[in-house]
Amino acid sequence: MNSTKIIYKKRSWAGLLLAQFLLFYLFSKSSLMISFFENFFEFQKGFHQILFSWIPFSVGDLLYFILGGFIVYLFISLFNKKRRNGSLLKMLIMVNIFYFVYQIFWGMMYFQTPIIKKLSSQEKPETEKAKKLALRYLEKCKLTRESVHEDQKGVFMITDLKSIQQEILQQQAKLPHYISDKTTTQILAIKPSLFKNVMSFTGILGYYNPFTAEAQYNSELPSIFIPFTTAHESSHQLGFAREQEANFVGYLIGINSSNTDLRYSTEYFTLKSLLRFIVEEDPEFVKSVLTNYSSAMKRDRIYEKKFAFTHQGWLDDFFGYTNNLFLKSNQQEGSVTYSYFIDLLLNYEK
């Protein structure tokens, strides 16, 4: 292929990419098209989960690894004058395909009707109401913590992860219909990430792969995180794209569960989220709540903080920054705020 043809093809693929940006932007403004993509997601999620769930490792992670290797190869080829044009062309083709498939399978789900509009009350969250709820969840955490298992150091320990995952699937079917009319596949496609060693240094607890419909979690996390993280990622599998809405659906899945591990992890997450919301307005209240943690809860918190401290670094800052940009580009708050989750929680609790 001569250089003139390659230049022509590069311009064509670059133009196609711009056309895609415009097309999906217009789709995002059309309630009819958003409804179409919601229905398409309902159709394809079960197919994807059947296709990949039986494989014991994350197929999505393997695809990301191969894609990452190919990107590195193309990037290196850019420094070779003879291969530069061809490599740029391949990059453009790859970006076009990746962007199109992503938008079809997942990207348009960010434009669904927000859950907050499905609640009868839509008041803004107030600090005093959050305080009352925080005290309630403090007592819930204390009580549930007495029923879970500990390791030799007295830290919360999961005894049966598979039963937690099965419980999550069962609780998906019990979600209030006015909040979720999405179908549950009852297919277990929650897997440990192949990138767990890297994830521990990024602050990422888990993620959903839209190309395989698998939910991944970091198996190196302290046990206190894992049950709720899997509930959160399973909410993405249902079709809730926004992060704080997935938190809320994960909350609904875990808060009434008969599985004490799942319920404690959910209550602990909820309490922490409330305290993060309150701390700027009343740091003394937050200190008081932390002081009143039970001794067992304090051990869990110390272990959680120790894990975070030993895994902090530039990767954590980098992924926090990029995740913040990603959230804001998809009709969401940045990663540092929990106000929308608290908004949903307080209105639901009313």
Protein backbone atom coordinates (compact mmCIF):
# COMPACT_ATOMS: atom_id res chain seq x y z
CA MET A 1 0.00 0.00 0.00
CA ASN A 2 1.58 3.30 -1.09
CA SER A 3 1.79 6.38 1.14
CA THR A 4 -0.93 8.29 -0.77
CA LYS A 5 -3.48 5.54 -0.18
CA ILE A 6 -2.52 5.30 3.50
CA ILE A 7 -2.96 9.06 3.95
CA TYR A 8 -6.37 8.87 2.28
CA LYS A 9 -7.41 5.97 4.51
CA LYS A 10 -6.18 7.78 7.65
CA ARG A 11 -8.31 10.80 6.77
CA SER A 12 -11.30 8.54 6.12
CA TRP A 13 -11.00 6.77 9.49
CA ALA A 14 -10.38 10.06 11.31
CA GLY A 15 -13.50 11.48 9.66
CA LEU A 16 -15.46 8.37 10.64
CA LEU A 17 -14.38 8.78 14.26
CA LEU A 18 -15.57 12.39 14.30
CA ALA A 19 -18.85 11.28 12.73
CA GLN A 20 -19.25 8.69 15.49
CA PHE A 21 -18.69 11.34 18.18
CA LEU A 22 -21.42 13.47 16.61
CA LEU A 23 -23.81 10.55 16.05
CA PHE A 24 -23.66 9.23 19.61
CA TYR A 25 -23.91 12.77 20.96
CA LEU A 26 -27.16 13.18 19.03
CA PHE A 27 -28.34 9.76 20.23
CA SER A 28 -27.70 10.86 23.83
CA LYS A 29 -30.21 13.71 23.33
CA SER A 30 -32.96 11.41 22.03
CA SER A 31 -35.17 9.59 24.56
CA LEU A 32 -36.20 7.19 21.79
CA MET A 33 -32.58 6.18 21.07
CA ILE A 34 -31.73 5.91 24.77
CA SER A 35 -34.70 3.58 25.20
CA PHE A 36 -33.47 1.56 22.22
CA PHE A 37 -30.03 1.10 23.77
CA GLU A 38 -31.57 0.17 27.14
CA ASN A 39 -33.59 -2.56 25.43
CA PHE A 40 -30.54 -3.68 23.47
CA PHE A 41 -28.55 -3.96 26.70
CA GLU A 42 -31.28 -6.12 28.22
CA PHE A 43 -30.98 -8.42 25.20
CA GLN A 44 -27.20 -8.65 25.02
CA LYS A 45 -26.23 -8.85 28.71
CA GLY A 46 -27.62 -12.36 29.18
CA PHE A 47 -26.01 -13.56 25.96
CA HIS A 48 -22.63 -12.19 27.01
CA GLN A 49 -22.85 -13.66 30.50
CA ILE A 50 -23.78 -17.09 29.17
CA LEU A 51 -20.89 -16.88 26.72
CA PHE A 52 -18.19 -15.96 29.24
CA SER A 53 -19.39 -16.83 32.77
CA TRP A 54 -18.32 -20.50 32.66
CA ILE A 55 -14.66 -19.61 32.00
CA PRO A 56 -12.84 -19.59 35.39
CA PHE A 57 -10.75 -16.47 34.69
CA SER A 58 -11.67 -13.00 33.43
CA VAL A 59 -11.86 -13.10 29.64
CA GLY A 60 -12.27 -9.33 29.62
CA ASP A 61 -8.97 -8.89 31.43
CA LEU A 62 -7.28 -11.13 28.87
CA LEU A 63 -8.73 -9.00 26.06
CA TYR A 64 -7.46 -5.84 27.76
CA PHE A 65 -4.01 -7.41 28.12
CA ILE A 66 -3.88 -8.30 24.41
CA LEU A 67 -5.19 -4.87 23.43
CA GLY A 68 -2.61 -3.19 25.68
CA GLY A 69 0.19 -5.21 24.08
CA PHE A 70 -1.01 -4.27 20.60
CA ILE A 71 -1.13 -0.57 21.55
CA VAL A 72 2.45 -0.73 22.87
CA TYR A 73 3.55 -2.41 19.63
CA LEU A 74 1.90 0.29 17.51
CA PHE A 75 3.35 3.05 19.67
CA ILE A 76 6.87 1.67 19.25
CA SER A 77 6.26 1.38 15.50
CA LEU A 78 5.62 5.12 15.34
CA PHE A 79 9.36 5.67 15.77
CA ASN A 80 10.03 3.70 12.59
CA LYS A 81 9.62 5.96 9.54
CA LYS A 82 8.69 3.07 7.26
CA ARG A 83 5.95 1.80 9.59
CA ARG A 84 4.71 5.13 10.98
CA ASN A 85 1.85 5.75 8.56
CA GLY A 86 0.68 2.16 8.70
CA SER A 87 0.77 2.16 12.50
CA LEU A 88 -1.24 5.39 12.69
CA LEU A 89 -3.81 3.89 10.33
CA LYS A 90 -4.11 0.75 12.48
CA MET A 91 -4.50 2.92 15.58
CA LEU A 92 -7.32 4.89 13.99
CA ILE A 93 -9.09 1.70 12.91
CA MET A 94 -8.70 0.22 16.39
CA VAL A 95 -10.01 3.37 18.11
CA ASN A 96 -13.02 3.47 15.78
CA ILE A 97 -13.93 -0.14 16.47
CA PHE A 98 -13.32 0.15 20.22
CA TYR A 99 -15.36 3.35 20.54
CA PHE A 100 -18.26 2.00 18.47
CA VAL A 101 -18.51 -1.30 20.37
CA TYR A 102 -18.17 0.47 23.73
CA GLN A 103 -20.98 2.92 22.94
CA ILE A 104 -23.26 0.20 21.60
CA PHE A 105 -22.76 -2.12 24.58
CA TRP A 106 -22.42 0.39 27.42
CA GLY A 107 -21.71 4.07 26.75
CA MET A 108 -25.30 5.06 26.02
CA MET A 109 -26.45 3.55 29.33
CA TYR A 110 -25.07 6.62 31.12
CA PHE A 111 -27.95 8.64 29.67
CA GLN A 112 -30.77 6.62 31.24
CA THR A 113 -33.33 8.34 33.45
CA PRO A 114 -31.57 8.99 36.78
CA ILE A 115 -32.84 6.92 39.72
CA ILE A 116 -33.45 10.09 41.75
CA LYS A 117 -36.33 10.93 39.39
CA LYS A 118 -37.97 7.61 40.25
CA LEU A 119 -38.18 8.43 43.96
CA SER A 120 -41.29 10.17 45.26
CA SER A 121 -39.21 12.69 47.21
CA GLN A 122 -36.32 14.52 45.60
CA GLU A 123 -35.10 16.79 48.38
CA LYS A 124 -31.46 17.81 48.56
CA PRO A 125 -29.44 15.99 51.24
CA GLU A 126 -29.17 17.80 54.56
CA THR A 127 -26.36 17.37 57.08
CA GLU A 128 -28.69 16.96 60.07
CA LYS A 129 -30.62 14.17 58.37
CA ALA A 130 -27.35 12.52 57.38
CA LYS A 131 -26.19 12.67 61.02
CA LYS A 132 -29.31 10.87 62.25
CA LEU A 133 -28.86 8.20 59.62
CA ALA A 134 -25.14 7.84 60.43
CA LEU A 135 -25.95 7.16 64.09
CA ARG A 136 -28.49 4.56 63.00
CA TYR A 137 -25.97 2.81 60.76
CA LEU A 138 -23.35 2.95 63.47
CA GLU A 139 -25.64 0.85 65.67
CA LYS A 140 -26.45 -1.46 62.76
CA CYS A 141 -22.75 -2.00 62.09
CA LYS A 142 -22.03 -2.73 65.74
CA LEU A 143 -24.79 -5.31 65.90
CA THR A 144 -24.02 -7.07 62.61
CA ARG A 145 -20.28 -7.08 63.35
CA GLU A 146 -20.94 -9.40 66.28
CA SER A 147 -22.31 -12.07 63.92
CA VAL A 148 -19.43 -12.29 61.42
CA HIS A 149 -16.17 -14.23 61.54
CA GLU A 150 -12.70 -12.90 62.36
CA ASP A 151 -9.19 -13.97 61.50
CA GLN A 152 -6.51 -14.58 64.14
CA LYS A 153 -5.87 -10.82 64.40
CA GLY A 154 -9.52 -10.10 65.13
CA VAL A 155 -10.20 -8.58 61.69
CA PHE A 156 -13.38 -9.32 59.73
CA MET A 157 -12.93 -12.33 57.48
CA ILE A 158 -15.10 -13.72 54.67
CA THR A 159 -15.81 -17.43 55.11
CA ASP A 160 -17.76 -18.23 51.93
CA LEU A 161 -17.45 -15.82 49.02
CA LYS A 162 -19.47 -18.02 46.68
CA SER A 163 -22.51 -17.87 48.96
CA ILE A 164 -22.19 -14.06 49.05
CA GLN A 165 -22.19 -13.93 45.25
CA GLN A 166 -25.21 -16.23 45.03
CA GLU A 167 -27.00 -14.08 47.61
CA ILE A 168 -26.31 -10.99 45.48
CA LEU A 169 -28.03 -12.64 42.51
CA GLN A 170 -31.03 -13.53 44.66
CA GLN A 171 -31.28 -10.00 46.06
CA GLN A 172 -31.16 -8.54 42.54
CA ALA A 173 -34.56 -10.16 41.92
CA LYS A 174 -35.98 -8.42 45.03
CA LEU A 175 -35.15 -4.85 44.05
CA PRO A 176 -38.14 -2.46 44.22
CA HIS A 177 -39.85 -2.34 40.83
CA TYR A 178 -40.21 1.43 40.92
CA ILE A 179 -36.41 1.66 41.05
CA SER A 180 -35.40 -1.21 38.78
CA ASP A 181 -37.40 -2.84 36.03
CA LYS A 182 -34.30 -4.57 34.69
CA THR A 183 -34.24 -8.33 34.23
CA THR A 184 -31.92 -10.47 36.32
CA THR A 185 -30.01 -13.16 34.45
CA GLN A 186 -29.20 -15.16 37.62
CA ILE A 187 -25.88 -16.01 35.96
CA LEU A 188 -22.81 -15.74 38.16
CA ALA A 189 -20.18 -13.76 36.24
CA ILE A 190 -18.26 -12.13 39.09
CA LYS A 191 -14.54 -12.88 38.93
CA PRO A 192 -11.27 -11.83 40.59
CA SER A 193 -9.27 -9.44 38.43
CA LEU A 194 -6.09 -10.66 36.76
CA PHE A 195 -4.65 -7.22 37.51
CA LYS A 196 -5.12 -7.39 41.29
CA ASN A 197 -1.48 -6.51 42.07
CA VAL A 198 -1.75 -3.29 40.06
CA MET A 199 -5.26 -2.51 41.30
CA SER A 200 -4.11 -2.46 44.92
CA PHE A 201 -1.97 0.58 44.07
CA THR A 202 -4.65 2.42 42.07
CA GLY A 203 -7.50 2.73 44.57
CA ILE A 204 -9.76 0.82 42.16
CA LEU A 205 -11.79 -1.80 44.03
CA GLY A 206 -13.50 -3.38 41.04
CA TYR A 207 -14.80 -2.70 37.54
CA TYR A 208 -17.31 -3.88 34.96
CA ASN A 209 -16.16 -5.03 31.53
CA PRO A 210 -18.78 -3.96 28.96
CA PHE A 211 -17.29 -6.19 26.25
CA THR A 212 -17.80 -9.45 28.18
CA ALA A 213 -20.38 -8.41 30.85
CA GLU A 214 -18.03 -9.71 33.56
CA ALA A 215 -17.73 -8.03 36.96
CA GLN A 216 -14.20 -7.96 38.35
CA TYR A 217 -13.06 -7.28 41.91
CA ASN A 218 -9.65 -6.99 43.54
CA SER A 219 -9.20 -10.17 45.57
CA GLU A 220 -6.32 -8.57 47.53
CA LEU A 221 -8.67 -6.09 49.21
CA PRO A 222 -9.46 -6.29 52.91
CA SER A 223 -12.53 -8.50 53.37
CA ILE A 224 -14.60 -5.51 54.51
CA PHE A 225 -14.59 -4.17 50.91
CA ILE A 226 -15.20 -7.31 48.86
CA PRO A 227 -18.91 -8.14 49.48
CA PHE A 228 -20.16 -4.61 48.77
CA THR A 229 -17.75 -4.18 45.84
CA THR A 230 -19.18 -7.29 44.20
CA ALA A 231 -22.72 -6.03 44.84
CA HIS A 232 -21.76 -2.72 43.25
CA GLU A 233 -20.25 -4.37 40.16
CA SER A 234 -23.26 -6.68 39.85
CA SER A 235 -25.40 -3.53 39.66
CA HIS A 236 -23.45 -2.54 36.55
CA GLN A 237 -24.21 -5.99 35.16
CA LEU A 238 -27.91 -5.26 35.65
CA GLY A 239 -27.53 -2.10 33.58
CA PHE A 240 -26.91 0.75 36.05
CA ALA A 241 -24.01 2.67 34.53
CA ARG A 242 -23.59 5.68 36.84
CA GLU A 243 -21.18 4.90 39.68
CA GLN A 244 -23.24 6.35 42.52
CA GLU A 245 -26.40 4.68 41.23
CA ALA A 246 -24.52 1.38 41.20
CA ASN A 247 -23.56 2.16 44.81
CA PHE A 248 -27.22 2.75 45.65
CA VAL A 249 -28.41 -0.44 43.95
CA GLY A 250 -25.56 -2.30 45.66
CA TYR A 251 -26.84 -0.83 48.92
CA LEU A 252 -30.37 -2.11 48.19
CA ILE A 253 -28.93 -5.54 47.39
CA GLY A 254 -26.92 -5.80 50.58
CA ILE A 255 -28.78 -3.90 53.27
CA ASN A 256 -31.64 -6.39 53.72
CA SER A 257 -29.61 -9.50 53.01
CA SER A 258 -29.71 -12.46 55.37
CA ASN A 259 -26.01 -12.99 54.62
CA THR A 260 -24.26 -11.20 57.49
CA ASP A 261 -20.97 -10.76 55.59
CA LEU A 262 -22.75 -8.93 52.77
CA ARG A 263 -24.92 -6.93 55.14
CA TYR A 264 -22.01 -5.83 57.34
CA SER A 265 -19.92 -4.77 54.33
CA THR A 266 -22.90 -2.77 53.02
CA GLU A 267 -23.64 -1.13 56.36
CA TYR A 268 -19.97 -0.26 56.81
CA PHE A 269 -19.81 1.31 53.32
CA THR A 270 -23.01 3.27 53.99
CA LEU A 271 -21.73 4.58 57.31
CA LYS A 272 -18.41 5.64 55.76
CA SER A 273 -20.21 7.40 52.90
CA LEU A 274 -22.41 9.32 55.35
CA LEU A 275 -19.37 10.37 57.39
CA ARG A 276 -17.56 11.55 54.26
CA PHE A 277 -20.59 13.67 53.42
CA ILE A 278 -20.80 15.12 56.93
CA VAL A 279 -17.10 15.71 57.66
CA GLU A 280 -16.77 19.07 55.88
CA GLU A 281 -19.72 20.52 57.79
CA ASP A 282 -19.09 18.92 61.17
CA PRO A 283 -15.73 17.17 61.63
CA GLU A 284 -16.29 16.88 65.39
CA PHE A 285 -19.40 14.77 64.83
CA VAL A 286 -17.42 12.44 62.58
CA LYS A 287 -14.67 12.12 65.20
CA SER A 288 -17.31 11.26 67.79
CA VAL A 289 -18.80 8.52 65.60
CA LEU A 290 -15.37 7.03 64.87
CA THR A 291 -14.61 7.04 68.61
CA ASN A 292 -17.84 5.13 69.21
CA TYR A 293 -17.00 2.35 66.77
CA SER A 294 -17.03 -1.00 68.52
CA SER A 295 -13.59 -2.47 69.25
CA ALA A 296 -14.13 -4.99 66.43
CA MET A 297 -15.06 -2.24 63.97
CA LYS A 298 -11.97 -0.29 65.02
CA ARG A 299 -9.80 -3.31 64.20
CA ASP A 300 -11.39 -3.49 60.75
CA ARG A 301 -10.80 0.24 60.22
CA ILE A 302 -7.16 0.02 61.31
CA TYR A 303 -6.56 -2.87 58.91
CA GLU A 304 -8.30 -0.96 56.10
CA LYS A 305 -6.15 2.13 56.70
CA LYS A 306 -2.98 0.03 56.89
CA PHE A 307 -3.80 -1.57 53.52
CA ALA A 308 -4.39 1.87 51.97
CA PHE A 309 -1.18 3.27 53.45
CA THR A 310 1.01 0.41 52.21
CA HIS A 311 -0.45 0.67 48.69
CA GLN A 312 -0.47 4.42 48.17
CA GLY A 313 1.67 5.95 45.45
CA TRP A 314 1.67 7.78 42.13
CA LEU A 315 -0.56 5.15 40.51
CA ASP A 316 -3.27 5.95 43.05
CA ASP A 317 -3.05 9.66 42.19
CA PHE A 318 -2.96 8.98 38.44
CA PHE A 319 -5.94 6.63 38.37
CA GLY A 320 -7.86 8.90 40.73
CA TYR A 321 -7.35 11.82 38.35
CA THR A 322 -8.21 9.87 35.18
CA ASN A 323 -11.25 8.25 36.82
CA ASN A 324 -12.44 11.69 37.87
CA LEU A 325 -12.24 12.89 34.25
CA PHE A 326 -14.04 9.75 33.01
CA LEU A 327 -16.90 10.19 35.47
CA LYS A 328 -17.40 13.83 34.59
CA SER A 329 -17.40 13.02 30.87
CA ASN A 330 -20.24 10.53 31.43
CA GLN A 331 -22.84 12.70 33.12
CA GLN A 332 -21.57 11.91 36.64
CA GLU A 333 -20.01 13.60 39.60
CA GLY A 334 -16.30 13.33 40.11
CA SER A 335 -14.85 10.40 42.00
CA VAL A 336 -14.21 12.43 45.16
CA THR A 337 -17.86 13.14 46.05
CA TYR A 338 -20.55 10.85 47.41
CA SER A 339 -23.33 13.45 47.47
CA TYR A 340 -25.49 11.78 44.80
CA PHE A 341 -25.39 8.45 46.65
CA ILE A 342 -26.30 10.28 49.87
CA ASP A 343 -29.05 12.11 47.96
CA LEU A 344 -30.50 8.77 46.86
CA LEU A 345 -30.04 7.20 50.27
CA LEU A 346 -31.72 9.97 52.28
CA ASN A 347 -34.65 10.24 49.88
CA TYR A 348 -35.10 6.46 49.87
CA GLU A 349 -34.89 6.19 53.67
CA LYS A 350 -37.68 8.76 54.02
